[in-house]
Amino acid sequence: MRGPGKWWRGKSTPEKVETYTRWSFHFFAVVEVMTVGLSAAGEVGPGLGGWLMLLVCVHAAVCALTVSRALDWVCGRRKQPLRLLWTLGAVTAAVAVTALAVAEHGPDGDGVDAAAGGVFGVVLIFGAGSISLGVRNRRRVYAVVAGFAAGAGLVAFPLGQPAPVALVSALSVLLGSGFLAFTAVFSVWLLKAVYELDEARETRARLAVAEERLRFGRDLHDVMGRNLAVIALKSELAVQLARRGRPEAVEQMIEVQRIAQESQREVRDVVRGYREADLGVELAGAQGVLTAAGIECEVTGEAAGLPAEVQSALAWVVREATTNVLRHGDAGRCAVGVRVTEGRVVLTVENDGAAGASDGGGGSDGGSASDGGGGSGLAGLRERLAAVDGTLEACRVGEATFRLVAEVPLTEADVREVAV
């Protein structure tokens, strides 16, 4: 079974904010019952106090249900719960009027007046605050708060409340409901902002992947465009020569065959990533893309002096790892380090997004494609590194950190060149 810790760590940042917001407002219902419901039962007695507590519990339950549906509406999962909002308003008014009637016409005693007055004020405050969570704009929120406060003052007169008491009740409801309404509006704004930021981050990640695909497309176009044009021209020339019975047609077709074979070799180079890539450029690009996506990225070490084939292999490791940090997990920090030690170059990519990712693609794991493919994923990276006798290790470090380590041996001449 998944424990509470794994359940929480398995959520994304927007889901965590939504869960915190949802249960914070649900806790308000518990506060309502604990503050006035239990106190009413204790001060008035089990008979009338029990009925007051039952009314408070019903009101708190309707508030909790309204909050849940309103947050689903805020997150775009359901329509605005208009009927439930009106139901909560009616229940709030009924409970408040009942409490005020008990204070005026119920048993005499300071305890009864205090308990009924507490129920009257608290249900209006929490009712207005809960309704504000499901209202679309601020003007309507102001109208809800002002309406509940005015209603608290106006209802008090027909039931015999003095004017100062009615005014104090209206001001209390205005301040209390205004505070809860402000909390609701701010919570909704924060929740929407977090979801929009997460969506923007995903968009940047998709753009980074799309840019990589465009770069691959440009490379493939550069390789195939010119060669196909030459093949088409020489084939047309060979056809014309063959129709005229000229022996040069054979030479042209031999040239077409040579160009076609050369094109096949160059396409394989592009697809398998054997074309040289600059490690320094990839390190700078990784830092820029991750920083733009809101991930703190630290790059240490330099690629200067490394052999071209080593730089090309490690550059693809950086490119693949960066793509997967963006696409998988929920990383907030990524560290990329290059160092030369004991006759080998070591590239380390470490991020803290393993906790929020699935086991199959945590952090910088090979999640962009299946590992069985020859062009991407961990298997593809190992193939590239194997060409320079390198190795690749990928594993979790603790519960939240994923580390990818690529090592490539260097010759003595290479080590001396790097040292210089």
Protein backbone atom coordinates (compact mmCIF):
# COMPACT_ATOMS: atom_id res chain seq x y z
CA MET A 1 0.00 0.00 0.00
CA ARG A 2 1.07 3.56 -0.63
CA GLY A 3 1.66 5.52 2.54
CA PRO A 4 0.64 9.16 3.07
CA GLY A 5 4.17 10.30 2.25
CA LYS A 6 4.29 8.54 -1.12
CA TRP A 7 0.73 9.67 -1.87
CA TRP A 8 1.74 13.30 -1.30
CA ARG A 9 5.08 13.05 -3.14
CA GLY A 10 3.34 11.39 -6.07
CA LYS A 11 1.32 14.55 -6.73
CA SER A 12 2.46 17.35 -8.99
CA THR A 13 2.92 20.85 -7.60
CA PRO A 14 -0.50 22.12 -8.86
CA GLU A 15 -2.19 19.02 -7.41
CA LYS A 16 -0.51 19.66 -4.07
CA VAL A 17 -1.71 23.27 -4.04
CA GLU A 18 -5.23 22.16 -4.97
CA THR A 19 -5.28 19.51 -2.23
CA TYR A 20 -4.03 21.99 0.35
CA THR A 21 -6.66 24.55 -0.71
CA ARG A 22 -9.48 22.03 -0.74
CA TRP A 23 -8.77 20.63 2.72
CA SER A 24 -8.15 24.09 4.18
CA PHE A 25 -11.72 25.09 3.27
CA HIS A 26 -13.05 21.75 4.46
CA PHE A 27 -11.34 22.45 7.77
CA PHE A 28 -13.42 25.63 8.03
CA ALA A 29 -16.51 23.40 8.27
CA VAL A 30 -14.88 21.55 11.16
CA VAL A 31 -14.07 24.88 12.82
CA GLU A 32 -17.70 25.96 12.45
CA VAL A 33 -18.96 22.84 14.22
CA MET A 34 -16.31 22.98 16.93
CA THR A 35 -16.71 26.68 17.74
CA VAL A 36 -20.49 27.17 17.83
CA GLY A 37 -22.05 23.73 17.50
CA LEU A 38 -20.40 22.11 20.50
CA SER A 39 -20.55 25.31 22.56
CA ALA A 40 -24.30 25.59 21.90
CA ALA A 41 -24.87 22.01 23.00
CA GLY A 42 -22.84 22.60 26.13
CA GLU A 43 -24.35 25.92 27.18
CA VAL A 44 -28.01 25.44 26.29
CA GLY A 45 -28.38 21.77 27.15
CA PRO A 46 -28.95 18.52 25.26
CA GLY A 47 -32.46 19.44 24.09
CA LEU A 48 -32.40 22.83 22.42
CA GLY A 49 -28.60 22.77 22.25
CA GLY A 50 -28.74 19.48 20.35
CA TRP A 51 -31.09 21.00 17.77
CA LEU A 52 -28.80 24.01 17.34
CA MET A 53 -25.81 21.74 16.91
CA LEU A 54 -27.71 19.69 14.32
CA LEU A 55 -28.49 22.85 12.35
CA VAL A 56 -24.83 23.90 12.48
CA CYS A 57 -23.70 20.44 11.32
CA VAL A 58 -26.13 20.53 8.39
CA HIS A 59 -24.92 24.00 7.43
CA ALA A 60 -21.25 22.93 7.72
CA ALA A 61 -21.90 19.87 5.53
CA VAL A 62 -23.56 21.98 2.83
CA CYS A 63 -20.63 24.43 3.03
CA ALA A 64 -18.10 21.59 2.58
CA LEU A 65 -20.03 20.19 -0.40
CA THR A 66 -20.27 23.65 -1.97
CA VAL A 67 -16.55 24.24 -1.51
CA SER A 68 -15.74 20.90 -3.16
CA ARG A 69 -17.98 21.55 -6.18
CA ALA A 70 -16.80 25.17 -6.46
CA LEU A 71 -13.13 24.11 -6.56
CA ASP A 72 -13.95 21.54 -9.23
CA TRP A 73 -15.56 24.38 -11.20
CA VAL A 74 -12.49 26.58 -10.69
CA CYS A 75 -10.29 23.78 -12.05
CA GLY A 76 -12.59 23.32 -15.07
CA ARG A 77 -13.89 19.85 -14.14
CA ARG A 78 -17.60 20.72 -13.86
CA LYS A 79 -20.09 23.51 -14.46
CA GLN A 80 -20.62 26.31 -11.97
CA PRO A 81 -22.74 24.86 -9.10
CA LEU A 82 -25.38 27.58 -9.19
CA ARG A 83 -28.14 25.47 -7.63
CA LEU A 84 -25.86 24.43 -4.79
CA LEU A 85 -24.86 28.06 -4.19
CA TRP A 86 -28.51 29.08 -3.93
CA THR A 87 -29.18 26.09 -1.67
CA LEU A 88 -26.35 27.13 0.64
CA GLY A 89 -27.70 30.68 0.73
CA ALA A 90 -31.16 29.42 1.67
CA VAL A 91 -29.81 27.04 4.34
CA THR A 92 -27.66 29.82 5.79
CA ALA A 93 -30.62 32.21 5.98
CA ALA A 94 -32.84 29.55 7.56
CA VAL A 95 -30.28 28.59 10.22
CA ALA A 96 -29.50 32.25 11.01
CA VAL A 97 -33.18 33.21 11.37
CA THR A 98 -33.82 30.12 13.53
CA ALA A 99 -30.91 31.00 15.80
CA LEU A 100 -32.10 34.59 16.12
CA ALA A 101 -35.63 33.43 16.90
CA VAL A 102 -34.27 31.13 19.62
CA ALA A 103 -32.37 34.06 21.14
CA GLU A 104 -35.52 36.21 21.24
CA HIS A 105 -38.28 33.76 21.98
CA GLY A 106 -36.51 30.78 23.46
CA PRO A 107 -35.72 30.04 27.12
CA ASP A 108 -34.36 32.92 29.13
CA GLY A 109 -30.73 32.98 30.09
CA ASP A 110 -27.43 34.44 29.04
CA GLY A 111 -26.21 31.06 27.83
CA VAL A 112 -29.07 30.71 25.37
CA ASP A 113 -28.58 34.23 24.00
CA ALA A 114 -24.81 33.74 23.62
CA ALA A 115 -25.14 30.35 21.94
CA ALA A 116 -27.88 31.46 19.54
CA GLY A 117 -26.05 34.70 18.75
CA GLY A 118 -22.87 32.76 18.02
CA VAL A 119 -24.73 30.43 15.67
CA PHE A 120 -26.36 33.43 13.96
CA GLY A 121 -23.08 35.23 13.26
CA VAL A 122 -20.90 32.24 12.42
CA VAL A 123 -23.23 30.60 9.91
CA LEU A 124 -23.60 33.91 8.07
CA ILE A 125 -19.83 34.41 7.99
CA PHE A 126 -18.98 30.90 6.82
CA GLY A 127 -21.91 30.84 4.42
CA ALA A 128 -20.82 34.03 2.69
CA GLY A 129 -17.21 32.84 2.55
CA SER A 130 -18.16 29.49 0.99
CA ILE A 131 -20.47 31.10 -1.58
CA SER A 132 -17.68 33.53 -2.59
CA LEU A 133 -15.57 30.58 -3.68
CA GLY A 134 -18.07 29.75 -6.41
CA VAL A 135 -18.70 33.30 -7.67
CA ARG A 136 -17.16 34.36 -10.95
CA ASN A 137 -16.05 38.00 -10.43
CA ARG A 138 -15.14 40.33 -7.58
CA ARG A 139 -18.19 42.58 -7.86
CA ARG A 140 -20.45 39.64 -7.14
CA VAL A 141 -18.22 38.69 -4.21
CA TYR A 142 -18.64 42.20 -2.82
CA ALA A 143 -22.39 41.90 -3.37
CA VAL A 144 -22.53 38.58 -1.50
CA VAL A 145 -20.58 39.94 1.48
CA ALA A 146 -22.55 43.18 1.62
CA GLY A 147 -25.84 41.34 1.19
CA PHE A 148 -25.19 38.95 4.06
CA ALA A 149 -24.06 41.81 6.31
CA ALA A 150 -27.10 43.92 5.45
CA GLY A 151 -29.36 40.95 5.94
CA ALA A 152 -27.89 40.31 9.37
CA GLY A 153 -28.77 43.85 10.40
CA LEU A 154 -32.22 43.99 8.79
CA VAL A 155 -33.43 40.63 10.11
CA ALA A 156 -32.57 41.66 13.67
CA PHE A 157 -35.17 44.49 13.78
CA PRO A 158 -38.36 42.46 13.20
CA LEU A 159 -37.27 40.03 15.92
CA GLY A 160 -36.87 42.78 18.50
CA GLN A 161 -33.11 43.38 18.51
CA PRO A 162 -32.01 46.92 19.55
CA ALA A 163 -30.48 49.07 16.83
CA PRO A 164 -26.92 49.05 18.34
CA VAL A 165 -27.00 45.25 18.58
CA ALA A 166 -28.23 44.95 15.00
CA LEU A 167 -25.47 47.31 13.82
CA VAL A 168 -22.79 45.36 15.67
CA SER A 169 -24.11 42.12 14.18
CA ALA A 170 -24.01 43.59 10.67
CA LEU A 171 -20.44 44.88 11.14
CA SER A 172 -19.29 41.54 12.60
CA VAL A 173 -20.73 39.64 9.66
CA LEU A 174 -19.27 42.16 7.23
CA LEU A 175 -15.74 41.85 8.67
CA GLY A 176 -15.83 38.08 9.14
CA SER A 177 -17.38 37.22 5.79
CA GLY A 178 -15.15 39.80 4.08
CA PHE A 179 -12.07 38.09 5.47
CA LEU A 180 -13.24 34.64 4.36
CA ALA A 181 -14.28 35.99 0.97
CA PHE A 182 -10.83 37.56 0.51
CA THR A 183 -9.25 34.24 1.48
CA ALA A 184 -11.45 32.43 -1.07
CA VAL A 185 -10.68 34.89 -3.88
CA PHE A 186 -6.94 34.81 -3.15
CA SER A 187 -6.94 30.98 -2.98
CA VAL A 188 -8.72 30.74 -6.33
CA TRP A 189 -6.28 33.21 -7.90
CA LEU A 190 -3.29 31.30 -6.52
CA LEU A 191 -4.64 27.94 -7.67
CA LYS A 192 -5.30 29.24 -11.19
CA ALA A 193 -1.86 30.84 -11.34
CA VAL A 194 -0.15 27.60 -10.32
CA TYR A 195 -2.03 25.62 -12.97
CA GLU A 196 -1.29 28.24 -15.63
CA LEU A 197 2.41 28.25 -14.72
CA ASP A 198 2.50 24.47 -14.89
CA GLU A 199 0.79 24.57 -18.29
CA ALA A 200 3.29 27.18 -19.49
CA ARG A 201 6.12 24.99 -18.29
CA GLU A 202 4.74 22.01 -20.19
CA THR A 203 4.37 24.22 -23.26
CA ARG A 204 8.02 25.26 -23.00
CA ALA A 205 9.01 21.62 -22.66
CA ARG A 206 7.02 20.70 -25.77
CA LEU A 207 8.61 23.61 -27.64
CA ALA A 208 12.06 22.39 -26.62
CA VAL A 209 11.24 18.93 -27.95
CA ALA A 210 9.75 20.44 -31.11
CA GLU A 211 12.88 22.53 -31.62
CA GLU A 212 14.98 19.39 -31.34
CA ARG A 213 12.81 17.69 -33.94
CA LEU A 214 13.13 20.71 -36.23
CA ARG A 215 16.89 20.60 -35.88
CA PHE A 216 16.83 16.93 -36.82
CA GLY A 217 14.58 17.77 -39.77
CA ARG A 218 16.96 20.51 -40.92
CA ASP A 219 19.91 18.11 -40.74
CA LEU A 220 18.01 15.50 -42.72
CA HIS A 221 16.94 18.11 -45.29
CA ASP A 222 20.51 19.35 -45.68
CA VAL A 223 21.70 15.81 -46.31
CA MET A 224 18.92 14.62 -48.62
CA GLY A 225 17.85 17.80 -50.41
CA ARG A 226 20.98 18.38 -52.46
CA ASN A 227 21.65 14.69 -53.12
CA LEU A 228 18.10 14.00 -54.30
CA ALA A 229 18.24 16.99 -56.62
CA VAL A 230 21.50 15.71 -58.12
CA ILE A 231 20.08 12.19 -58.47
CA ALA A 232 17.00 13.55 -60.27
CA LEU A 233 19.11 15.62 -62.70
CA LYS A 234 21.57 12.82 -63.46
CA SER A 235 18.75 10.29 -63.90
CA GLU A 236 17.05 12.59 -66.39
CA LEU A 237 20.35 13.05 -68.19
CA ALA A 238 20.91 9.29 -68.29
CA VAL A 239 17.44 8.77 -69.78
CA GLN A 240 18.12 11.30 -72.51
CA LEU A 241 21.52 9.74 -73.29
CA ALA A 242 20.07 6.21 -73.32
CA ARG A 243 17.36 7.26 -75.81
CA ARG A 244 20.08 8.59 -78.08
CA GLY A 245 22.11 5.42 -77.69
CA ARG A 246 25.01 7.22 -76.03
CA PRO A 247 27.37 5.09 -73.84
CA GLU A 248 27.73 7.96 -71.32
CA ALA A 249 24.32 6.95 -69.88
CA VAL A 250 26.02 4.08 -68.05
CA GLU A 251 28.49 6.47 -66.40
CA GLN A 252 25.66 8.73 -65.29
CA MET A 253 23.78 5.82 -63.71
CA ILE A 254 26.94 4.69 -61.95
CA GLU A 255 27.21 8.21 -60.54
CA VAL A 256 23.55 8.06 -59.47
CA GLN A 257 24.24 4.78 -57.70
CA ARG A 258 27.25 6.28 -55.92
CA ILE A 259 25.28 9.33 -54.74
CA ALA A 260 22.41 7.13 -53.54
CA GLN A 261 24.80 4.99 -51.49
CA GLU A 262 26.42 8.11 -50.06
CA SER A 263 23.00 9.46 -49.14
CA GLN A 264 22.14 6.25 -47.31
CA ARG A 265 25.32 6.50 -45.27
CA GLU A 266 24.70 10.16 -44.38
CA VAL A 267 21.09 9.46 -43.36
CA ARG A 268 22.27 6.69 -41.06
CA ASP A 269 24.76 9.14 -39.55
CA VAL A 270 21.98 11.65 -38.89
CA VAL A 271 19.53 9.14 -37.43
CA ARG A 272 22.08 7.48 -35.15
CA GLY A 273 23.57 10.78 -34.06
CA TYR A 274 27.08 10.13 -35.40
CA ARG A 275 27.35 13.64 -36.76
CA GLU A 276 29.58 15.68 -34.51
CA ALA A 277 27.91 17.79 -31.82
CA ASP A 278 29.60 20.37 -29.64
CA LEU A 279 29.43 19.57 -25.92
CA GLY A 280 29.94 23.19 -24.90
CA VAL A 281 26.99 24.31 -27.04
CA GLU A 282 24.77 21.59 -25.59
CA LEU A 283 25.73 22.51 -22.01
CA ALA A 284 24.88 26.17 -22.61
CA GLY A 285 21.66 25.21 -24.39
CA ALA A 286 20.61 22.88 -21.56
CA GLN A 287 21.15 25.61 -18.98
CA GLY A 288 19.14 28.11 -21.02
CA VAL A 289 16.21 25.78 -21.71
CA LEU A 290 15.94 24.52 -18.12
CA THR A 291 16.18 28.02 -16.69
CA ALA A 292 13.44 29.21 -19.06
CA ALA A 293 11.28 26.32 -17.83
CA GLY A 294 11.65 27.49 -14.22
CA ILE A 295 14.21 24.82 -13.25
CA GLU A 296 17.34 26.02 -11.47
CA CYS A 297 20.27 24.68 -13.51
CA GLU A 298 23.93 24.70 -12.50
CA VAL A 299 26.62 23.74 -15.03
CA THR A 300 30.17 23.04 -13.83
CA GLY A 301 33.28 22.09 -15.79
CA GLU A 302 34.35 22.78 -19.36
CA ALA A 303 34.40 20.76 -22.56
CA ALA A 304 37.42 22.49 -24.10
CA GLY A 305 40.17 20.16 -25.30
CA LEU A 306 38.11 16.98 -25.40
CA PRO A 307 38.27 14.90 -28.59
CA ALA A 308 35.52 15.59 -31.10
CA GLU A 309 34.07 12.08 -30.94
CA VAL A 310 33.93 12.23 -27.12
CA GLN A 311 32.23 15.62 -27.20
CA SER A 312 29.70 14.34 -29.74
CA ALA A 313 28.75 11.33 -27.60
CA LEU A 314 28.49 13.32 -24.38
CA ALA A 315 26.59 16.13 -26.12
CA TRP A 316 23.85 13.65 -27.02
CA VAL A 317 23.72 12.50 -23.40
CA VAL A 318 23.20 16.12 -22.28
CA ARG A 319 20.55 16.67 -24.97
CA GLU A 320 18.57 13.52 -24.09
CA ALA A 321 18.84 14.10 -20.33
CA THR A 322 17.68 17.71 -20.65
CA THR A 323 14.68 16.70 -22.75
CA ASN A 324 13.62 14.11 -20.20
CA VAL A 325 14.04 16.45 -17.24
CA LEU A 326 11.58 18.75 -19.01
CA ARG A 327 9.12 16.03 -20.01
CA HIS A 328 9.16 13.80 -16.93
CA GLY A 329 9.12 14.33 -13.17
CA ASP A 330 8.67 17.60 -11.34
CA ALA A 331 12.22 18.89 -11.05
CA GLY A 332 13.05 22.18 -9.42
CA ARG A 333 16.83 21.84 -9.64
CA CYS A 334 19.22 20.23 -12.11
CA ALA A 335 23.02 20.03 -11.88
CA VAL A 336 25.23 19.16 -14.87
CA GLY A 337 28.92 18.56 -14.28
CA VAL A 338 31.85 17.66 -16.53
CA ARG A 339 35.20 16.64 -15.04
CA VAL A 340 38.35 14.82 -16.18
CA THR A 341 39.78 12.45 -13.58
CA GLU A 342 42.05 9.40 -13.67
CA GLY A 343 42.26 9.23 -17.43
CA ARG A 344 38.56 9.53 -18.16
CA VAL A 345 35.92 12.22 -18.60
CA VAL A 346 32.84 11.97 -16.39
CA LEU A 347 29.53 13.68 -17.20
CA THR A 348 26.94 13.82 -14.39
CA VAL A 349 23.33 14.99 -14.77
CA GLU A 350 21.37 15.09 -11.50
CA ASN A 351 17.86 16.41 -10.82
CA ASP A 352 15.39 16.33 -7.95
CA GLY A 353 12.32 15.36 -9.99
CA ALA A 354 12.38 11.59 -9.41
CA ALA A 355 9.72 11.65 -6.66
CA GLY A 356 7.02 13.12 -8.90
CA ALA A 357 7.76 10.87 -11.87
CA SER A 358 6.75 7.36 -12.70
CA ASP A 359 9.28 4.58 -12.31
CA GLY A 360 9.62 4.27 -16.01
CA GLY A 361 10.74 7.79 -16.69
CA GLY A 362 11.90 9.40 -13.51
CA GLY A 363 13.81 12.60 -13.95
CA SER A 364 16.30 12.17 -16.72
CA ASP A 365 15.54 8.56 -17.39
CA GLY A 366 15.00 7.36 -20.90
CA GLY A 367 11.41 8.22 -21.23
CA SER A 368 11.28 10.00 -24.55
CA ALA A 369 11.26 6.80 -26.47
CA SER A 370 11.50 3.17 -25.73
CA ASP A 371 14.88 1.96 -24.74
CA GLY A 372 14.71 -0.68 -27.35
CA GLY A 373 15.12 1.87 -30.14
CA GLY A 374 18.46 2.72 -31.59
CA GLY A 375 18.06 6.47 -31.63
CA SER A 376 16.94 7.65 -28.21
CA GLY A 377 16.39 6.60 -24.63
CA LEU A 378 19.01 4.95 -22.45
CA ALA A 379 19.71 2.20 -25.01
CA GLY A 380 20.45 4.78 -27.70
CA LEU A 381 22.75 6.72 -25.39
CA ARG A 382 24.62 3.54 -24.47
CA GLU A 383 25.11 2.78 -28.17
CA ARG A 384 26.61 6.21 -28.77
CA LEU A 385 28.89 5.90 -25.76
CA ALA A 386 29.91 2.36 -26.73
CA ALA A 387 31.36 3.79 -29.94
CA VAL A 388 33.96 5.62 -27.79
CA ASP A 389 34.25 2.80 -25.20
CA GLY A 390 32.10 4.74 -22.75
CA THR A 391 29.55 3.59 -20.17
CA LEU A 392 26.27 4.96 -18.83
CA GLU A 393 24.64 4.52 -15.42
CA ALA A 394 21.21 5.83 -14.40
CA CYS A 395 19.67 5.36 -10.97
CA ARG A 396 17.73 7.02 -8.17
CA VAL A 397 19.67 8.54 -5.29
CA GLY A 398 17.34 8.63 -2.30
CA GLU A 399 13.63 9.21 -2.86
CA ALA A 400 13.66 12.41 -4.89
CA THR A 401 16.95 12.56 -6.82
CA PHE A 402 17.76 10.93 -10.15
CA ARG A 403 21.36 10.73 -11.34
CA LEU A 404 22.75 9.91 -14.77
CA VAL A 405 26.53 9.32 -15.08
CA ALA A 406 28.37 8.88 -18.38
CA GLU A 407 32.08 7.96 -18.42
CA VAL A 408 34.40 7.91 -21.42
CA PRO A 409 38.08 6.87 -21.21
CA LEU A 410 40.74 9.16 -22.65
CA THR A 411 44.11 8.34 -24.14
CA GLU A 412 47.26 9.79 -22.61
CA ALA A 413 47.54 12.23 -25.49
CA ASP A 414 43.96 13.37 -24.95
CA VAL A 415 44.57 13.85 -21.22
CA ARG A 416 47.67 15.97 -21.93
CA GLU A 417 45.72 18.08 -24.44
CA VAL A 418 42.92 18.67 -21.95
CA ALA A 419 45.41 19.61 -19.25
CA VAL A 420 47.04 22.14 -21.55
